[in-house]
């Protein structure tokens, strides 16, 4: 009887840009109630980095440099990198060193978080000015949207992991013809659980933020101050 152990990792990082600030109040690796003992979920709190040294045209140029598309005239911008990262360890047994393997995941780690958040506020408006406060007020609306959406999809991911029946375990291993097939199987089953939710998260957080990033809303907020 042979036993094989190996670690594998899959990482997906996306450069996103949203008009909001973010402060994540979530834990590091945690064992959620009902989560199988071999599955661990991590989300690291993030403090945004603030930059008040760029002019409004420079901020707009920064957007265009990354996304090659024009943006609405706006003196505030947040550039974000977000990720869903999965890694796992597996074990396999083969009787008599011939024939198929029985394979299972011995450990699964999941990281769902923002790992970079750079916030740009136009240097044209001094801290504490009416315009500066209006910009921050608008961004704080995005904070609430982002935190609510992140919390929603963190919960959905945890539920999916709790209910997962197709990730092979030691009690219920999967038979495969070789180790490469086994690694592909475990990786694909983890990804099938989580990455569709991650894609939905990205679409939803962008759509929800887009609802307040309209010309009509900008006109309303800009009407709060003179001298833009």
Protein backbone atom coordinates (compact mmCIF):
# COMPACT_ATOMS: atom_id res chain seq x y z
CA UNK A 1 0.00 0.00 0.00
CA UNK A 2 1.58 3.29 -1.09
CA UNK A 3 0.65 6.75 0.23
CA UNK A 4 1.34 9.94 -1.69
CA UNK A 5 1.08 13.50 -0.36
CA UNK A 6 1.32 16.67 -2.40
CA UNK A 7 0.36 20.36 -2.24
CA UNK A 8 -1.26 22.26 -5.08
CA UNK A 9 -2.35 25.85 -5.60
CA UNK A 10 -4.63 27.78 -7.92
CA UNK A 11 -4.71 31.55 -7.87
CA UNK A 12 -6.87 34.04 -9.69
CA UNK A 13 -6.12 37.73 -9.30
CA UNK A 14 -8.08 40.43 -11.03
CA UNK A 15 -7.27 44.10 -11.28
CA UNK A 16 -10.49 45.94 -10.58
CA UNK A 17 -11.37 49.56 -10.27
CA UNK A 18 -14.28 50.84 -8.30
CA UNK A 19 -15.18 54.28 -7.01
CA UNK A 20 -15.10 53.40 -3.35
CA UNK A 21 -12.92 53.13 -0.28
CA UNK A 22 -12.80 49.90 1.65
CA UNK A 23 -12.07 48.70 5.15
CA UNK A 24 -12.60 44.98 5.59
CA UNK A 25 -13.59 43.77 9.02
CA UNK A 26 -13.06 40.07 8.45
CA UNK A 27 -10.94 37.43 10.10
CA UNK A 28 -7.84 35.52 9.11
CA UNK A 29 -7.99 31.73 8.57
CA UNK A 30 -11.09 30.58 10.39
CA UNK A 31 -12.99 27.40 10.98
CA UNK A 32 -16.61 28.35 10.33
CA UNK A 33 -19.37 26.47 12.07
CA UNK A 34 -20.33 23.45 10.00
CA UNK A 35 -17.25 23.66 7.78
CA UNK A 36 -15.41 20.34 7.37
CA UNK A 37 -12.30 20.27 9.53
CA UNK A 38 -9.94 19.99 6.54
CA UNK A 39 -11.28 23.18 4.89
CA UNK A 40 -10.02 26.58 6.07
CA UNK A 41 -11.21 30.02 4.96
CA UNK A 42 -9.16 33.20 5.18
CA UNK A 43 -9.93 36.85 4.50
CA UNK A 44 -7.32 39.38 5.63
CA UNK A 45 -8.45 42.86 6.77
CA UNK A 46 -7.24 45.59 4.46
CA UNK A 47 -6.61 49.26 5.07
CA UNK A 48 -6.69 51.42 1.95
CA UNK A 49 -3.72 53.59 1.00
CA UNK A 50 -4.72 57.22 0.42
CA UNK A 51 -3.08 59.46 -2.16
CA UNK A 52 -3.93 63.16 -2.12
CA UNK A 53 -1.09 64.30 -4.36
CA UNK A 54 -2.57 63.90 -7.85
CA UNK A 55 -4.66 66.40 -9.76
CA UNK A 56 -8.02 65.46 -11.24
CA UNK A 57 -6.58 65.11 -14.79
CA UNK A 58 -3.80 62.89 -13.44
CA UNK A 59 -6.36 60.67 -11.72
CA UNK A 60 -8.34 60.40 -14.94
CA UNK A 61 -5.13 59.61 -16.82
CA UNK A 62 -4.33 56.87 -14.32
CA UNK A 63 -7.71 55.28 -15.01
CA UNK A 64 -7.16 55.44 -18.77
CA UNK A 65 -3.64 53.97 -18.46
CA UNK A 66 -4.99 50.85 -16.74
CA UNK A 67 -8.32 50.41 -18.48
CA UNK A 68 -7.91 52.19 -21.85
CA UNK A 69 -11.33 53.77 -21.64
CA UNK A 70 -12.54 57.23 -20.69
CA UNK A 71 -14.07 57.85 -17.27
CA UNK A 72 -16.61 60.41 -16.16
CA UNK A 73 -15.03 63.57 -14.80
CA UNK A 74 -14.42 62.58 -11.20
CA UNK A 75 -11.84 63.74 -8.66
CA UNK A 76 -11.89 60.44 -6.76
CA UNK A 77 -10.75 56.98 -7.81
CA UNK A 78 -10.01 53.69 -6.08
CA UNK A 79 -7.81 51.10 -7.78
CA UNK A 80 -8.27 47.61 -6.35
CA UNK A 81 -6.74 44.19 -6.77
CA UNK A 82 -8.92 41.36 -5.60
CA UNK A 83 -8.36 37.64 -5.45
CA UNK A 84 -9.79 34.26 -4.81
CA UNK A 85 -6.98 31.84 -4.06
CA UNK A 86 -7.35 28.12 -3.43
CA UNK A 87 -4.71 25.63 -2.41
CA UNK A 88 -4.94 22.05 -1.25
CA UNK A 89 -3.02 19.02 -0.11
CA UNK A 90 -4.03 15.56 -1.15
CA UNK A 91 -3.22 11.98 -0.30
CA UNK A 92 -3.49 8.87 -2.44
CA UNK A 93 -3.27 5.15 -1.89
CA UNK A 94 -2.41 2.43 -4.37
CA UNK A 95 -2.50 -1.25 -3.51
CA UNK A 96 0.45 -3.28 -4.67
CA UNK A 97 1.98 -0.37 -6.61
CA UNK A 98 -0.23 -1.19 -9.60
CA UNK A 99 -3.72 -0.32 -10.67
CA UNK A 100 -5.82 2.74 -9.84
CA UNK A 101 -5.31 5.17 -6.99
CA UNK A 102 -7.77 6.20 -4.31
CA UNK A 103 -7.31 9.93 -3.79
CA UNK A 104 -8.70 12.52 -1.37
CA UNK A 105 -8.14 16.09 -0.23
CA UNK A 106 -6.46 16.21 3.17
CA UNK A 107 -6.45 20.02 3.40
CA UNK A 108 -8.14 22.85 1.47
CA UNK A 109 -7.31 26.52 2.05
CA UNK A 110 -9.36 29.35 0.56
CA UNK A 111 -8.48 33.06 0.52
CA UNK A 112 -11.10 35.59 -0.60
CA UNK A 113 -10.11 39.23 -0.18
CA UNK A 114 -8.90 42.51 -1.53
CA UNK A 115 -5.12 42.52 -1.35
CA UNK A 116 -4.57 46.05 -2.67
CA UNK A 117 -6.64 49.20 -2.39
CA UNK A 118 -5.19 52.52 -3.55
CA UNK A 119 -7.45 55.54 -3.13
CA UNK A 120 -6.80 58.74 -5.07
CA UNK A 121 -8.39 62.03 -4.03
CA UNK A 122 -7.79 65.14 -6.11
CA UNK A 123 -5.19 67.52 -4.72
CA UNK A 124 -7.32 70.40 -6.02
CA UNK A 125 -9.51 70.20 -2.92
CA UNK A 126 -7.98 70.66 0.56
CA UNK A 127 -8.80 68.22 3.31
CA UNK A 128 -11.89 69.43 5.13
CA UNK A 129 -13.18 71.50 2.24
CA UNK A 130 -16.76 71.11 1.05
CA UNK A 131 -15.64 69.39 -2.14
CA UNK A 132 -13.31 67.02 -0.33
CA UNK A 133 -16.05 66.02 2.08
CA UNK A 134 -18.52 65.46 -0.73
CA UNK A 135 -16.04 63.20 -2.53
CA UNK A 136 -15.50 61.19 0.65
CA UNK A 137 -19.24 61.03 1.24
CA UNK A 138 -19.72 59.54 -2.20
CA UNK A 139 -16.91 57.07 -1.67
CA UNK A 140 -18.36 56.01 1.68
CA UNK A 141 -21.54 54.96 -0.10
CA UNK A 142 -19.36 52.62 -2.12
CA UNK A 143 -17.76 51.35 1.09
CA UNK A 144 -21.14 50.14 2.33
CA UNK A 145 -21.96 48.53 -1.02
CA UNK A 146 -18.61 46.78 -1.21
CA UNK A 147 -18.61 45.50 2.36
CA UNK A 148 -22.18 44.23 2.06
CA UNK A 149 -21.45 42.46 -1.21
CA UNK A 150 -18.21 40.93 0.06
CA UNK A 151 -19.95 39.66 3.19
CA UNK A 152 -22.75 38.21 1.08
CA UNK A 153 -20.40 36.24 -1.15
CA UNK A 154 -18.17 35.16 1.69
CA UNK A 155 -21.28 33.62 3.25
CA UNK A 156 -22.26 32.00 -0.05
CA UNK A 157 -18.78 30.52 -0.45
CA UNK A 158 -18.80 29.15 3.08
CA UNK A 159 -22.21 27.61 2.50
CA UNK A 160 -21.02 26.03 -0.74
CA UNK A 161 -18.02 24.55 1.06
CA UNK A 162 -20.17 23.32 3.94
CA UNK A 163 -22.58 21.58 1.57
CA UNK A 164 -19.94 20.21 -0.80
CA UNK A 165 -20.30 16.50 -1.42
CA UNK A 166 -18.04 16.09 -4.44
CA UNK A 167 -14.66 16.98 -2.90
CA UNK A 168 -13.15 13.56 -2.16
CA UNK A 169 -12.35 12.96 1.51
CA UNK A 170 -10.54 10.19 3.33
CA UNK A 171 -13.90 8.70 4.28
CA UNK A 172 -15.12 8.98 0.68
CA UNK A 173 -12.09 8.86 -1.66
CA UNK A 174 -12.24 9.03 -5.43
CA UNK A 175 -10.73 6.37 -7.66
CA UNK A 176 -8.51 7.66 -10.46
CA UNK A 177 -6.15 6.04 -12.90
CA UNK A 178 -3.15 8.25 -12.06
CA UNK A 179 -2.10 11.08 -9.76
CA UNK A 180 -2.32 13.80 -12.41
CA UNK A 181 -5.92 12.85 -13.03
CA UNK A 182 -6.53 13.01 -9.30
CA UNK A 183 -5.00 16.46 -8.95
CA UNK A 184 -7.05 17.75 -11.87
CA UNK A 185 -10.20 16.28 -10.37
CA UNK A 186 -9.73 17.85 -6.93
CA UNK A 187 -8.73 21.23 -8.36
CA UNK A 188 -11.66 21.36 -10.78
CA UNK A 189 -14.18 20.43 -8.10
CA UNK A 190 -12.96 23.15 -5.76
CA UNK A 191 -12.98 25.67 -8.59
CA UNK A 192 -16.49 24.66 -9.70
CA UNK A 193 -17.74 25.45 -6.23
CA UNK A 194 -16.06 28.83 -5.76
CA UNK A 195 -15.11 30.58 -8.98
CA UNK A 196 -18.66 30.93 -10.33
CA UNK A 197 -19.51 32.70 -7.07
CA UNK A 198 -16.40 34.85 -7.42
CA UNK A 199 -17.43 35.85 -10.93
CA UNK A 200 -20.92 36.71 -9.65
CA UNK A 201 -19.37 38.76 -6.86
CA UNK A 202 -17.34 40.83 -9.31
CA UNK A 203 -20.33 41.47 -11.54
CA UNK A 204 -22.59 42.36 -8.63
CA UNK A 205 -20.20 44.70 -6.84
CA UNK A 206 -19.53 46.51 -10.12
CA UNK A 207 -23.24 46.76 -10.94
CA UNK A 208 -24.21 47.97 -7.47
CA UNK A 209 -21.50 50.62 -7.45
CA UNK A 210 -22.47 51.62 -10.97
CA UNK A 211 -25.93 52.54 -9.75
CA UNK A 212 -24.53 55.55 -7.91
CA UNK A 213 -21.81 56.34 -10.44
CA UNK A 214 -24.15 58.15 -12.82
CA UNK A 215 -24.11 61.63 -14.28
CA UNK A 216 -27.39 62.38 -12.51
CA UNK A 217 -25.93 61.46 -9.14
CA UNK A 218 -22.74 63.40 -9.80
CA UNK A 219 -24.80 66.48 -10.61
CA UNK A 220 -26.69 66.11 -7.33
CA UNK A 221 -23.52 65.75 -5.26
CA UNK A 222 -21.69 68.54 -7.04
CA UNK A 223 -24.62 70.84 -6.39
CA UNK A 224 -23.76 70.57 -2.69
CA UNK A 225 -20.66 72.76 -3.17
CA UNK A 226 -19.56 75.73 -5.25
CA UNK A 227 -16.24 76.13 -7.03
CA UNK A 228 -15.70 72.74 -8.53
